[in-house]
Amino acid sequence: MYNKFMKKKDVEKQLKKLGWYLDREGGSHEVWTNGEAKTVVPIKAY
């Protein structure tokens, strides 16, 4: 679905397109859910 070279906005766009929404944010990751499953998306710190 995504790879480490995608920009954050592109990952968000793909997740939203598939019906996922942001559940919560951590310091180095975001948790996305579709209501049934959850996935963690790492946030690369610069």
C-alpha atoms as a PDB file:
ATOM      1  CA  MET A   1       0.000   0.000   0.000  1.00  0.00           C
ATOM      2  CA  TYR A   2       2.732   2.458   0.888  1.00  0.00           C
ATOM      3  CA  ASN A   3       6.482   2.453   1.024  1.00  0.00           C
ATOM      4  CA  LYS A   4       9.083   4.391   2.972  1.00  0.00           C
ATOM      5  CA  PHE A   5       9.688   6.724   0.041  1.00  0.00           C
ATOM      6  CA  MET A   6       6.118   8.076  -0.149  1.00  0.00           C
ATOM      7  CA  LYS A   7       5.361  11.531   1.188  1.00  0.00           C
ATOM      8  CA  LYS A   8       3.089  11.774   4.221  1.00  0.00           C
ATOM      9  CA  LYS A   9       0.358  13.561   2.275  1.00  0.00           C
ATOM     10  CA  ASP A  10       0.351  10.783  -0.353  1.00  0.00           C
ATOM     11  CA  VAL A  11      -0.040   8.092   2.319  1.00  0.00           C
ATOM     12  CA  GLU A  12      -2.890  10.058   3.933  1.00  0.00           C
ATOM     13  CA  LYS A  13      -4.570  10.505   0.551  1.00  0.00           C
ATOM     14  CA  GLN A  14      -4.433   6.753  -0.177  1.00  0.00           C
ATOM     15  CA  LEU A  15      -5.723   5.795   3.277  1.00  0.00           C
ATOM     16  CA  LYS A  16      -8.634   8.252   3.063  1.00  0.00           C
ATOM     17  CA  LYS A  17      -9.472   6.995  -0.421  1.00  0.00           C
ATOM     18  CA  LEU A  18      -9.748   3.474   1.030  1.00  0.00           C
ATOM     19  CA  GLY A  19     -12.063   4.628   3.848  1.00  0.00           C
ATOM     20  CA  TRP A  20      -9.502   4.902   6.649  1.00  0.00           C
ATOM     21  CA  TYR A  21      -9.354   7.826   9.086  1.00  0.00           C
ATOM     22  CA  LEU A  22      -6.833   9.065  11.648  1.00  0.00           C
ATOM     23  CA  ASP A  23      -7.580   7.548  15.057  1.00  0.00           C
ATOM     24  CA  ARG A  24      -4.743   9.119  17.056  1.00  0.00           C
ATOM     25  CA  GLU A  25      -1.225  10.480  16.819  1.00  0.00           C
ATOM     26  CA  GLY A  26       1.815   9.446  18.829  1.00  0.00           C
ATOM     27  CA  GLY A  27       5.231  11.046  18.954  1.00  0.00           C
ATOM     28  CA  SER A  28       6.681   9.005  16.117  1.00  0.00           C
ATOM     29  CA  HIS A  29       3.619   7.385  14.542  1.00  0.00           C
ATOM     30  CA  GLU A  30      -0.042   7.764  13.606  1.00  0.00           C
ATOM     31  CA  VAL A  31      -2.749   5.156  14.163  1.00  0.00           C
ATOM     32  CA  TRP A  32      -5.276   4.868  11.335  1.00  0.00           C
ATOM     33  CA  THR A  33      -8.479   2.822  11.437  1.00  0.00           C
ATOM     34  CA  ASN A  34     -11.317   1.844   9.156  1.00  0.00           C
ATOM     35  CA  GLY A  35     -13.605   1.002  12.073  1.00  0.00           C
ATOM     36  CA  GLU A  36     -12.641  -2.671  12.147  1.00  0.00           C
ATOM     37  CA  ALA A  37      -8.851  -2.795  11.840  1.00  0.00           C
ATOM     38  CA  LYS A  38      -6.012  -0.473  12.809  1.00  0.00           C
ATOM     39  CA  THR A  39      -2.633   0.197  11.256  1.00  0.00           C
ATOM     40  CA  VAL A  40       0.358   2.194  12.437  1.00  0.00           C
ATOM     41  CA  VAL A  41       2.036   4.629  10.059  1.00  0.00           C
ATOM     42  CA  PRO A  42       5.487   5.800  11.168  1.00  0.00           C
ATOM     43  CA  ILE A  43       6.276   9.507  10.978  1.00  0.00           C
ATOM     44  CA  LYS A  44       9.842  10.182   9.926  1.00  0.00           C
ATOM     45  CA  ALA A  45      11.397  12.959  11.989  1.00  0.00           C
ATOM     46  CA  TYR A  46      13.681  15.365  10.140  1.00  0.00           C
END
